[in-house]
Structures are given as C-alpha cells and as structure tokens.
C-alpha atoms as a PDB file:
ATOM      1  CA  MET A   1       0.000   0.000   0.000  1.00  0.00           C
ATOM      2  CA  LYS A   2       1.416   3.385  -1.049  1.00  0.00           C
ATOM      3  CA  VAL A   3       0.468   6.200   1.318  1.00  0.00           C
ATOM      4  CA  LEU A   4       0.748   9.987   1.174  1.00  0.00           C
ATOM      5  CA  ILE A   5       0.690  11.927   4.459  1.00  0.00           C
ATOM      6  CA  ILE A   6      -0.479  15.555   4.427  1.00  0.00           C
ATOM      7  CA  GLU A   7       0.219  17.064   7.848  1.00  0.00           C
ATOM      8  CA  ASP A   8       1.810  20.377   8.866  1.00  0.00           C
ATOM      9  CA  GLU A   9       2.773  19.293  12.393  1.00  0.00           C
ATOM     10  CA  SER A  10       6.059  17.416  12.053  1.00  0.00           C
ATOM     11  CA  ALA A  11       5.671  15.536  15.347  1.00  0.00           C
ATOM     12  CA  THR A  12       2.191  14.327  14.366  1.00  0.00           C
ATOM     13  CA  ALA A  13       3.423  13.289  10.921  1.00  0.00           C
ATOM     14  CA  ARG A  14       6.325  11.310  12.402  1.00  0.00           C
ATOM     15  CA  ARG A  15       4.009   9.602  14.897  1.00  0.00           C
ATOM     16  CA  LEU A  16       1.544   8.670  12.146  1.00  0.00           C
ATOM     17  CA  GLN A  17       4.367   7.259  10.032  1.00  0.00           C
ATOM     18  CA  LYS A  18       5.692   5.234  12.976  1.00  0.00           C
ATOM     19  CA  LEU A  19       2.250   3.814  13.807  1.00  0.00           C
ATOM     20  CA  LEU A  20       1.618   2.856  10.186  1.00  0.00           C
ATOM     21  CA  MET A  21       4.903   0.938  10.080  1.00  0.00           C
ATOM     22  CA  GLU A  22       4.052  -0.854  13.303  1.00  0.00           C
ATOM     23  CA  ILE A  23       0.627  -1.886  12.030  1.00  0.00           C
ATOM     24  CA  ASN A  24       1.761  -2.886   8.550  1.00  0.00           C
ATOM     25  CA  PRO A  25       5.512  -2.827   7.722  1.00  0.00           C
ATOM     26  CA  SER A  26       4.737  -3.301   4.031  1.00  0.00           C
ATOM     27  CA  ILE A  27       3.169   0.182   3.816  1.00  0.00           C
ATOM     28  CA  GLU A  28       5.265   2.566   1.726  1.00  0.00           C
ATOM     29  CA  ILE A  29       5.196   6.227   2.746  1.00  0.00           C
ATOM     30  CA  LEU A  30       5.658   8.071  -0.524  1.00  0.00           C
ATOM     31  CA  ALA A  31       5.986  11.554   0.941  1.00  0.00           C
ATOM     32  CA  ILE A  32       4.935  13.857   3.768  1.00  0.00           C
ATOM     33  CA  HIS A  33       3.683  17.323   2.860  1.00  0.00           C
ATOM     34  CA  GLU A  34       2.720  20.222   5.092  1.00  0.00           C
ATOM     35  CA  SER A  35       0.883  22.477   2.646  1.00  0.00           C
ATOM     36  CA  ILE A  36      -1.740  22.617  -0.078  1.00  0.00           C
ATOM     37  CA  SER A  37       0.751  23.836  -2.679  1.00  0.00           C
ATOM     38  CA  GLN A  38       3.264  21.063  -1.940  1.00  0.00           C
ATOM     39  CA  THR A  39       0.563  18.416  -2.148  1.00  0.00           C
ATOM     40  CA  VAL A  40      -0.921  19.693  -5.411  1.00  0.00           C
ATOM     41  CA  ASN A  41       2.511  19.932  -7.046  1.00  0.00           C
ATOM     42  CA  TRP A  42       3.444  16.428  -5.892  1.00  0.00           C
ATOM     43  CA  LEU A  43       0.190  14.910  -7.171  1.00  0.00           C
ATOM     44  CA  LYS A  44       0.652  16.573 -10.547  1.00  0.00           C
ATOM     45  CA  LEU A  45       4.133  15.071 -10.872  1.00  0.00           C
ATOM     46  CA  HIS A  46       3.642  11.639  -9.328  1.00  0.00           C
ATOM     47  CA  GLY A  47      -0.040  10.798  -9.606  1.00  0.00           C
ATOM     48  CA  GLU A  48      -2.209   9.436  -6.827  1.00  0.00           C
ATOM     49  CA  PRO A  49      -1.198   7.128  -3.985  1.00  0.00           C
ATOM     50  CA  ASP A  50      -3.367   4.232  -2.824  1.00  0.00           C
ATOM     51  CA  LEU A  51      -4.450   6.192   0.240  1.00  0.00           C
ATOM     52  CA  MET A  52      -4.035   9.698   1.662  1.00  0.00           C
ATOM     53  CA  PHE A  53      -4.009  10.787   5.295  1.00  0.00           C
ATOM     54  CA  MET A  54      -5.010  14.433   5.290  1.00  0.00           C
ATOM     55  CA  ASP A  55      -5.101  16.964   8.101  1.00  0.00           C
ATOM     56  CA  VAL A  56      -7.873  19.558   7.821  1.00  0.00           C
ATOM     57  CA  ASN A  57      -5.769  22.620   8.713  1.00  0.00           C
ATOM     58  CA  LEU A  58      -2.508  22.981   6.825  1.00  0.00           C
ATOM     59  CA  SER A  59       0.164  25.672   6.877  1.00  0.00           C
ATOM     60  CA  ASP A  60      -1.381  27.537   3.930  1.00  0.00           C
ATOM     61  CA  GLY A  61      -5.087  26.945   4.519  1.00  0.00           C
ATOM     62  CA  LEU A  62      -7.764  24.257   4.609  1.00  0.00           C
ATOM     63  CA  SER A  63      -6.811  20.979   2.951  1.00  0.00           C
ATOM     64  CA  PHE A  64     -10.166  20.975   1.133  1.00  0.00           C
ATOM     65  CA  ALA A  65      -8.572  23.441  -1.306  1.00  0.00           C
ATOM     66  CA  ILE A  66      -6.524  20.546  -2.706  1.00  0.00           C
ATOM     67  CA  PHE A  67      -9.682  19.066  -4.231  1.00  0.00           C
ATOM     68  CA  GLU A  68     -10.501  22.411  -5.809  1.00  0.00           C
ATOM     69  CA  GLU A  69      -7.118  22.623  -7.559  1.00  0.00           C
ATOM     70  CA  ILE A  70      -6.683  19.054  -8.746  1.00  0.00           C
ATOM     71  CA  GLU A  71      -8.928  16.037  -9.297  1.00  0.00           C
ATOM     72  CA  VAL A  72      -8.397  13.399  -6.639  1.00  0.00           C
ATOM     73  CA  ASN A  73      -9.894   9.921  -6.943  1.00  0.00           C
ATOM     74  CA  CYS A  74      -8.022   8.003  -4.265  1.00  0.00           C
ATOM     75  CA  PRO A  75      -9.502   7.378  -0.800  1.00  0.00           C
ATOM     76  CA  VAL A  76      -8.873   9.846   2.024  1.00  0.00           C
ATOM     77  CA  ILE A  77      -8.681   9.421   5.774  1.00  0.00           C
ATOM     78  CA  PHE A  78      -8.945  12.797   7.478  1.00  0.00           C
ATOM     79  CA  THR A  79      -7.021  13.593  10.638  1.00  0.00           C
ATOM     80  CA  THR A  80      -8.323  16.415  12.795  1.00  0.00           C
ATOM     81  CA  ALA A  81      -8.406  17.899  16.257  1.00  0.00           C
ATOM     82  CA  TYR A  82     -12.113  18.714  15.968  1.00  0.00           C
ATOM     83  CA  ASP A  83     -14.390  17.108  18.517  1.00  0.00           C
ATOM     84  CA  GLN A  84     -17.163  14.563  18.102  1.00  0.00           C
ATOM     85  CA  TYR A  85     -19.799  17.297  17.807  1.00  0.00           C
ATOM     86  CA  ALA A  86     -18.515  18.598  14.483  1.00  0.00           C
ATOM     87  CA  ILE A  87     -16.891  15.452  13.159  1.00  0.00           C
ATOM     88  CA  GLN A  88     -20.100  13.697  12.069  1.00  0.00           C
ATOM     89  CA  ALA A  89     -19.767  15.268   8.621  1.00  0.00           C
ATOM     90  CA  PHE A  90     -16.686  13.170   7.904  1.00  0.00           C
ATOM     91  CA  LYS A  91     -18.668   9.937   8.156  1.00  0.00           C
ATOM     92  CA  VAL A  92     -20.291  10.526   4.792  1.00  0.00           C
ATOM     93  CA  ASN A  93     -17.414  12.358   3.140  1.00  0.00           C
ATOM     94  CA  SER A  94     -14.432  10.045   3.436  1.00  0.00           C
ATOM     95  CA  ILE A  95     -13.399   6.498   4.266  1.00  0.00           C
ATOM     96  CA  ASP A  96     -12.828   7.501   7.861  1.00  0.00           C
ATOM     97  CA  TYR A  97     -11.554  10.188  10.212  1.00  0.00           C
ATOM     98  CA  LEU A  98      -9.065  10.105  13.061  1.00  0.00           C
ATOM     99  CA  LEU A  99      -9.118  12.445  16.031  1.00  0.00           C
ATOM    100  CA  LYS A 100      -5.813  13.786  17.276  1.00  0.00           C
ATOM    101  CA  PRO A 101      -3.825  12.588  19.105  1.00  0.00           C
ATOM    102  CA  ILE A 102      -4.037   9.502  16.878  1.00  0.00           C
ATOM    103  CA  ILE A 103      -4.477   6.225  18.750  1.00  0.00           C
ATOM    104  CA  LYS A 104      -2.931   3.098  17.257  1.00  0.00           C
ATOM    105  CA  ASP A 105      -6.058   0.940  17.600  1.00  0.00           C
ATOM    106  CA  ASN A 106      -8.168   3.581  15.830  1.00  0.00           C
ATOM    107  CA  LEU A 107      -5.619   3.819  13.036  1.00  0.00           C
ATOM    108  CA  ALA A 108      -5.648   0.040  12.634  1.00  0.00           C
ATOM    109  CA  GLU A 109      -9.456   0.106  12.360  1.00  0.00           C
ATOM    110  CA  SER A 110      -9.256   2.770   9.639  1.00  0.00           C
ATOM    111  CA  LEU A 111      -6.779   0.694   7.636  1.00  0.00           C
ATOM    112  CA  SER A 112      -9.001  -2.339   8.044  1.00  0.00           C
ATOM    113  CA  LYS A 113     -11.919  -0.313   6.754  1.00  0.00           C
ATOM    114  CA  TYR A 114      -9.836   0.702   3.723  1.00  0.00           C
ATOM    115  CA  ASN A 115      -8.900  -2.922   3.006  1.00  0.00           C
ATOM    116  CA  LYS A 116     -12.526  -4.031   3.136  1.00  0.00           C
ATOM    117  CA  LEU A 117     -13.439  -1.421   0.527  1.00  0.00           C
ATOM    118  CA  GLN A 118     -11.043  -2.898  -1.991  1.00  0.00           C
ATOM    119  CA  ASN A 119     -12.357  -5.215  -4.677  1.00  0.00           C
ATOM    120  CA  LYS A 120     -10.509  -8.133  -6.228  1.00  0.00           C
ATOM    121  CA  GLU A 121      -8.639  -5.857  -8.626  1.00  0.00           C
ATOM    122  CA  GLY A 122      -7.343  -3.810  -5.718  1.00  0.00           C
ATOM    123  CA  GLU A 123      -9.349  -0.705  -6.565  1.00  0.00           C
ATOM    124  CA  THR A 124     -11.344   0.933  -3.837  1.00  0.00           C
ATOM    125  CA  LYS A 125     -15.096   1.156  -4.240  1.00  0.00           C
ATOM    126  CA  ILE A 126     -15.366   4.585  -2.652  1.00  0.00           C
ATOM    127  CA  ASP A 127     -15.890   7.495  -5.043  1.00  0.00           C
ATOM    128  CA  ILE A 128     -13.992  10.551  -3.851  1.00  0.00           C
ATOM    129  CA  ALA A 129     -15.980  12.635  -6.357  1.00  0.00           C
ATOM    130  CA  ARG A 130     -18.845  12.372  -3.889  1.00  0.00           C
ATOM    131  CA  LEU A 131     -16.819  14.337  -1.359  1.00  0.00           C
ATOM    132  CA  ASP A 132     -18.914  17.412  -0.613  1.00  0.00           C
ATOM    133  CA  ILE A 133     -16.256  19.922   0.376  1.00  0.00           C
ATOM    134  CA  ASP A 134     -18.648  22.797   1.000  1.00  0.00           C
ATOM    135  CA  LYS A 135     -20.940  20.826   3.300  1.00  0.00           C
ATOM    136  CA  LEU A 136     -17.983  19.397   5.146  1.00  0.00           C
ATOM    137  CA  ALA A 137     -16.433  22.820   5.676  1.00  0.00           C
ATOM    138  CA  GLN A 138     -19.760  24.330   6.688  1.00  0.00           C
ATOM    139  CA  ALA A 139     -20.412  21.575   9.207  1.00  0.00           C
ATOM    140  CA  LEU A 140     -17.070  22.319  10.823  1.00  0.00           C
ATOM    141  CA  GLY A 141     -17.752  26.045  10.833  1.00  0.00           C
ATOM    142  CA  LEU A 142     -14.808  26.648   8.506  1.00  0.00           C
ATOM    143  CA  ARG A 143     -16.687  28.087   5.582  1.00  0.00           C
ATOM    144  CA  LYS A 144     -19.901  30.061   5.401  1.00  0.00           C
ATOM    145  CA  PRO A 145     -22.611  28.650   3.132  1.00  0.00           C
ATOM    146  CA  ASP A 146     -23.030  30.334  -0.222  1.00  0.00           C
ATOM    147  CA  TYR A 147     -26.326  32.072   0.488  1.00  0.00           C
ATOM    148  CA  MET A 148     -28.258  33.981  -2.150  1.00  0.00           C
ATOM    149  CA  LYS A 149     -27.221  37.617  -2.578  1.00  0.00           C
ATOM    150  CA  ARG A 150     -29.495  38.504  -5.484  1.00  0.00           C
ATOM    151  CA  LEU A 151     -32.498  37.016  -7.208  1.00  0.00           C
ATOM    152  CA  ILE A 152     -33.580  37.387 -10.853  1.00  0.00           C
ATOM    153  CA  VAL A 153     -37.255  37.992 -11.626  1.00  0.00           C
ATOM    154  CA  ARG A 154     -39.037  38.241 -14.953  1.00  0.00           C
ATOM    155  CA  TYR A 155     -42.310  39.967 -15.703  1.00  0.00           C
ATOM    156  CA  GLY A 156     -43.308  40.313 -19.328  1.00  0.00           C
ATOM    157  CA  GLU A 157     -40.129  40.988 -21.276  1.00  0.00           C
ATOM    158  CA  VAL A 158     -38.488  42.728 -18.337  1.00  0.00           C
ATOM    159  CA  ILE A 159     -35.720  41.046 -16.339  1.00  0.00           C
ATOM    160  CA  LYS A 160     -34.812  42.516 -12.974  1.00  0.00           C
ATOM    161  CA  SER A 161     -32.132  41.693 -10.414  1.00  0.00           C
ATOM    162  CA  ILE A 162     -33.288  42.083  -6.806  1.00  0.00           C
ATOM    163  CA  GLU A 163     -30.955  42.371  -3.823  1.00  0.00           C
ATOM    164  CA  ILE A 164     -31.890  39.863  -1.108  1.00  0.00           C
ATOM    165  CA  LYS A 165     -31.658  42.643   1.490  1.00  0.00           C
ATOM    166  CA  ASP A 166     -34.564  44.397  -0.285  1.00  0.00           C
ATOM    167  CA  ILE A 167     -36.930  41.415   0.113  1.00  0.00           C
ATOM    168  CA  ALA A 168     -39.409  41.414   2.995  1.00  0.00           C
ATOM    169  CA  TYR A 169     -40.781  37.893   2.624  1.00  0.00           C
ATOM    170  CA  PHE A 170     -41.729  35.060   0.271  1.00  0.00           C
ATOM    171  CA  TYR A 171     -45.144  33.428   0.163  1.00  0.00           C
ATOM    172  CA  SER A 172     -46.995  30.753  -1.761  1.00  0.00           C
ATOM    173  CA  ASP A 173     -50.442  31.413  -3.196  1.00  0.00           C
ATOM    174  CA  GLU A 174     -52.301  29.102  -5.597  1.00  0.00           C
ATOM    175  CA  LYS A 175     -49.110  27.051  -6.118  1.00  0.00           C
ATOM    176  CA  ILE A 176     -47.148  30.140  -7.201  1.00  0.00           C
ATOM    177  CA  VAL A 177     -44.322  31.521  -5.069  1.00  0.00           C
ATOM    178  CA  PHE A 178     -44.069  35.298  -4.771  1.00  0.00           C
ATOM    179  CA  MET A 179     -41.525  37.587  -3.219  1.00  0.00           C
ATOM    180  CA  ALA A 180     -42.681  40.783  -1.543  1.00  0.00           C
ATOM    181  CA  LEU A 181     -40.243  43.674  -1.579  1.00  0.00           C
ATOM    182  CA  LYS A 182     -39.897  46.099   1.296  1.00  0.00           C
ATOM    183  CA  GLU A 183     -41.146  48.846  -1.022  1.00  0.00           C
ATOM    184  CA  GLY A 184     -44.454  46.984  -1.423  1.00  0.00           C
ATOM    185  CA  LYS A 185     -44.197  45.376  -4.862  1.00  0.00           C
ATOM    186  CA  ALA A 186     -44.541  41.602  -5.316  1.00  0.00           C
ATOM    187  CA  TYR A 187     -43.150  39.393  -8.094  1.00  0.00           C
ATOM    188  CA  PRO A 188     -43.491  35.690  -8.894  1.00  0.00           C
ATOM    189  CA  VAL A 189     -40.247  33.684  -8.613  1.00  0.00           C
ATOM    190  CA  ASP A 190     -39.124  30.418 -10.171  1.00  0.00           C
ATOM    191  CA  PHE A 191     -38.090  28.761  -6.908  1.00  0.00           C
ATOM    192  CA  THR A 192     -40.024  26.656  -4.436  1.00  0.00           C
ATOM    193  CA  LEU A 193     -40.131  27.695  -0.791  1.00  0.00           C
ATOM    194  CA  ASP A 194     -38.161  24.536   0.033  1.00  0.00           C
ATOM    195  CA  HIS A 195     -35.341  25.693  -2.239  1.00  0.00           C
ATOM    196  CA  LEU A 196     -35.445  29.248  -0.917  1.00  0.00           C
ATOM    197  CA  GLU A 197     -35.352  28.029   2.676  1.00  0.00           C
ATOM    198  CA  MET A 198     -32.051  26.267   1.960  1.00  0.00           C
ATOM    199  CA  ARG A 199     -30.479  29.136  -0.006  1.00  0.00           C
ATOM    200  CA  LEU A 200     -31.426  32.077   2.224  1.00  0.00           C
ATOM    201  CA  ASP A 201     -29.320  33.157   5.198  1.00  0.00           C
ATOM    202  CA  PRO A 202     -31.110  31.710   8.275  1.00  0.00           C
ATOM    203  CA  GLU A 203     -30.017  34.710  10.313  1.00  0.00           C
ATOM    204  CA  LEU A 204     -32.157  36.916   8.077  1.00  0.00           C
ATOM    205  CA  PHE A 205     -35.036  34.663   7.023  1.00  0.00           C
ATOM    206  CA  PHE A 206     -37.209  32.073   8.755  1.00  0.00           C
ATOM    207  CA  ARG A 207     -39.845  29.732   7.370  1.00  0.00           C
ATOM    208  CA  ILE A 208     -42.791  30.080   9.717  1.00  0.00           C
ATOM    209  CA  ASN A 209     -45.058  27.583   7.906  1.00  0.00           C
ATOM    210  CA  ARG A 210     -45.638  25.869   4.559  1.00  0.00           C
ATOM    211  CA  LYS A 211     -46.631  29.153   2.880  1.00  0.00           C
ATOM    212  CA  PHE A 212     -44.260  31.805   4.275  1.00  0.00           C
ATOM    213  CA  VAL A 213     -40.550  32.527   4.552  1.00  0.00           C
ATOM    214  CA  ILE A 214     -40.196  35.897   6.255  1.00  0.00           C
ATOM    215  CA  SER A 215     -37.374  38.285   7.113  1.00  0.00           C
ATOM    216  CA  TYR A 216     -36.980  39.658  10.607  1.00  0.00           C
ATOM    217  CA  HIS A 217     -37.422  43.223   9.350  1.00  0.00           C
ATOM    218  CA  ALA A 218     -40.790  42.385   7.754  1.00  0.00           C
ATOM    219  CA  ILE A 219     -42.396  41.722  11.141  1.00  0.00           C
ATOM    220  CA  ASP A 220     -44.653  44.633  12.124  1.00  0.00           C
ATOM    221  CA  LYS A 221     -46.552  43.047  15.010  1.00  0.00           C
ATOM    222  CA  MET A 222     -46.996  39.660  16.678  1.00  0.00           C
ATOM    223  CA  ILE A 223     -49.758  38.296  18.885  1.00  0.00           C
ATOM    224  CA  SER A 224     -50.256  34.961  20.625  1.00  0.00           C
ATOM    225  CA  TYR A 225     -52.467  32.516  18.772  1.00  0.00           C
ATOM    226  CA  SER A 226     -54.003  29.147  19.586  1.00  0.00           C
ATOM    227  CA  LYS A 227     -51.842  26.038  20.142  1.00  0.00           C
ATOM    228  CA  SER A 228     -48.761  28.119  21.037  1.00  0.00           C
ATOM    229  CA  ARG A 229     -48.679  29.654  17.577  1.00  0.00           C
ATOM    230  CA  ILE A 230     -47.878  33.258  16.697  1.00  0.00           C
ATOM    231  CA  LYS A 231     -49.886  35.462  14.364  1.00  0.00           C
ATOM    232  CA  ILE A 232     -47.712  37.933  12.498  1.00  0.00           C
ATOM    233  CA  THR A 233     -48.640  41.222  10.893  1.00  0.00           C
ATOM    234  CA  LEU A 234     -46.266  41.780   8.005  1.00  0.00           C
ATOM    235  CA  ASN A 235     -44.927  44.982   6.496  1.00  0.00           C
ATOM    236  CA  PRO A 236     -45.765  45.377   3.680  1.00  0.00           C
ATOM    237  CA  ALA A 237     -49.168  43.871   4.328  1.00  0.00           C
ATOM    238  CA  CYS A 238     -50.119  40.533   2.790  1.00  0.00           C
ATOM    239  CA  SER A 239     -53.583  39.312   1.822  1.00  0.00           C
ATOM    240  CA  LEU A 240     -52.775  35.904   3.350  1.00  0.00           C
ATOM    241  CA  GLU A 241     -52.605  35.272   7.082  1.00  0.00           C
ATOM    242  CA  ALA A 242     -49.106  34.671   8.389  1.00  0.00           C
ATOM    243  CA  ILE A 243     -49.299  32.317  11.363  1.00  0.00           C
ATOM    244  CA  SER A 244     -46.404  30.216  12.579  1.00  0.00           C
ATOM    245  CA  SER A 245     -47.118  26.487  12.501  1.00  0.00           C
ATOM    246  CA  THR A 246     -47.246  24.551  15.761  1.00  0.00           C
ATOM    247  CA  GLU A 247     -44.167  22.577  14.734  1.00  0.00           C
ATOM    248  CA  ARG A 248     -42.101  25.678  13.990  1.00  0.00           C
ATOM    249  CA  SER A 249     -43.282  28.049  16.718  1.00  0.00           C
ATOM    250  CA  GLY A 250     -40.626  26.961  19.219  1.00  0.00           C
ATOM    251  CA  GLU A 251     -37.791  27.425  16.711  1.00  0.00           C
ATOM    252  CA  PHE A 252     -39.352  30.700  15.572  1.00  0.00           C
ATOM    253  CA  LYS A 253     -39.234  32.101  19.108  1.00  0.00           C
ATOM    254  CA  GLU A 254     -35.587  31.081  19.402  1.00  0.00           C
ATOM    255  CA  TRP A 255     -34.864  32.731  16.044  1.00  0.00           C
ATOM    256  CA  LEU A 256     -36.539  35.928  17.215  1.00  0.00           C
ATOM    257  CA  ALA A 257     -34.344  35.878  20.319  1.00  0.00           C
ATOM    258  CA  GLY A 258     -31.257  35.476  18.145  1.00  0.00           C
ATOM    259  CA  LYS A 259     -30.363  32.011  19.452  1.00  0.00           C
END
C-alpha cells in the first residue's frame, strides 16, 4: 500500500508514520507534505497514492482546497483535532476520520476499513468525487454557506435583479411563489419555498409555515395565537394570514431571540 501523508505538524506526521509501520511494515510512505501547494505539485508530478491521510488545517489553509485545484480519486482518511460534535460530517465524506492525538487501535481500524473497501482488482469502491467539500467545511464552521445575494425575476419581457436585502418575505399562493419587496411590490419567482429556505441566510429569514418565509425586518406586530402559535402582521401587508405552525413556533421564538 502506497500512502501519502499531508500534515503540517512534524511531530504528528512522524508519529503517524511510525504507527503505520508498526501496524503494517509493508506500507510505503511516498511523501509527507505540510501544505496545499506542496501536495498539489506532488500529485501533478507523481499521480495518486493508494491512500491519503489528510489533516484539515494545513500551513497555507484548509486541505479541502486541494480538491478544488486538482482532481483526486483516491480514498482519504482525514485527521483532525475537531471534537465529536462537528466530526459527524466526515462519516459521509471520506473512508474515515481520526481524532488527534491519533491512537494506534483507531488507526488500525481505519486501515481495516480501507482494506474491506477494496475489490478483487485492488481498486477501492469509494468514489472521492462524492466528497462534498462545501458541506464538510460548513459543518465544521470553517466556511460560510453560499447564500443567495441577489435574485432574478421576470415579468413580461423585463428582467430585474433584486438584492436579497430588499426582500421582505416570500409566500406561496395558488401554487405560485411570490416575493414581496420592502417597497411593497410583489413578483413571482421560479423557486419553491423549500429551495429558498435552503439558499437564504437563516439569520435573516425564517420559514414560519408551509406558505411563508419571512425576514426579521418584515415583522410589524406579533400576537399569541391558539396552540402556542404566533400570528404575524407583516410589512408590507399581505392578503394571506401569516401564522407560525405549531411545529415551527418553538424554533421561531428562538430565532426571534437570536439564538
């Protein structure tokens, strides 16, 4: 097995190399790199190893940038100091992850997992193309999601670009989704509320029910409603009632409090 180690802490890299040799003396360590640039240059010259051990934080940035500069199809085992709370994202984005300081038994389990993924031809079944770098970085709090900044609307032959900050709320009426601007105008949009809920900054917008996604600044007045719900008067006014659903009322109150 030919292995590439990407780690900017020399002591950690040496320990990982030592443990690998103890577990399987036949493993060949091709190189140890401490930066994105070194790794990318090496891969361009030498091709891919059988397996890469990759630290998340390198001397010149996040190791995820490697995948943005060069196509990588070999399996990856991430090494990281992040705790169990944030590390769940790695379970669906790589063969495995190892928390620092690396424990020999855990390393052995990761290598065993790698071996089981190999088929008879010696090629791993995992597809590194499925690695979702953005979601992984977002889950670790290392990169902010790419939220919408503008939205294109069309009415007649006119095309208009709307700044998200100028939108008061979105609502669904007769299976058509509309956006209401702070100035009072409303336009139909080509997105579902489900899509908008994912693409809008959750600090600015909240989906109160199946028909409304509202901004904090669009709230004019709120009153208690039955079943712990909240009835909201919007600005600009809307012909439809805006009432938080029972399921979302608790989260809505937390959102209002800035939690």
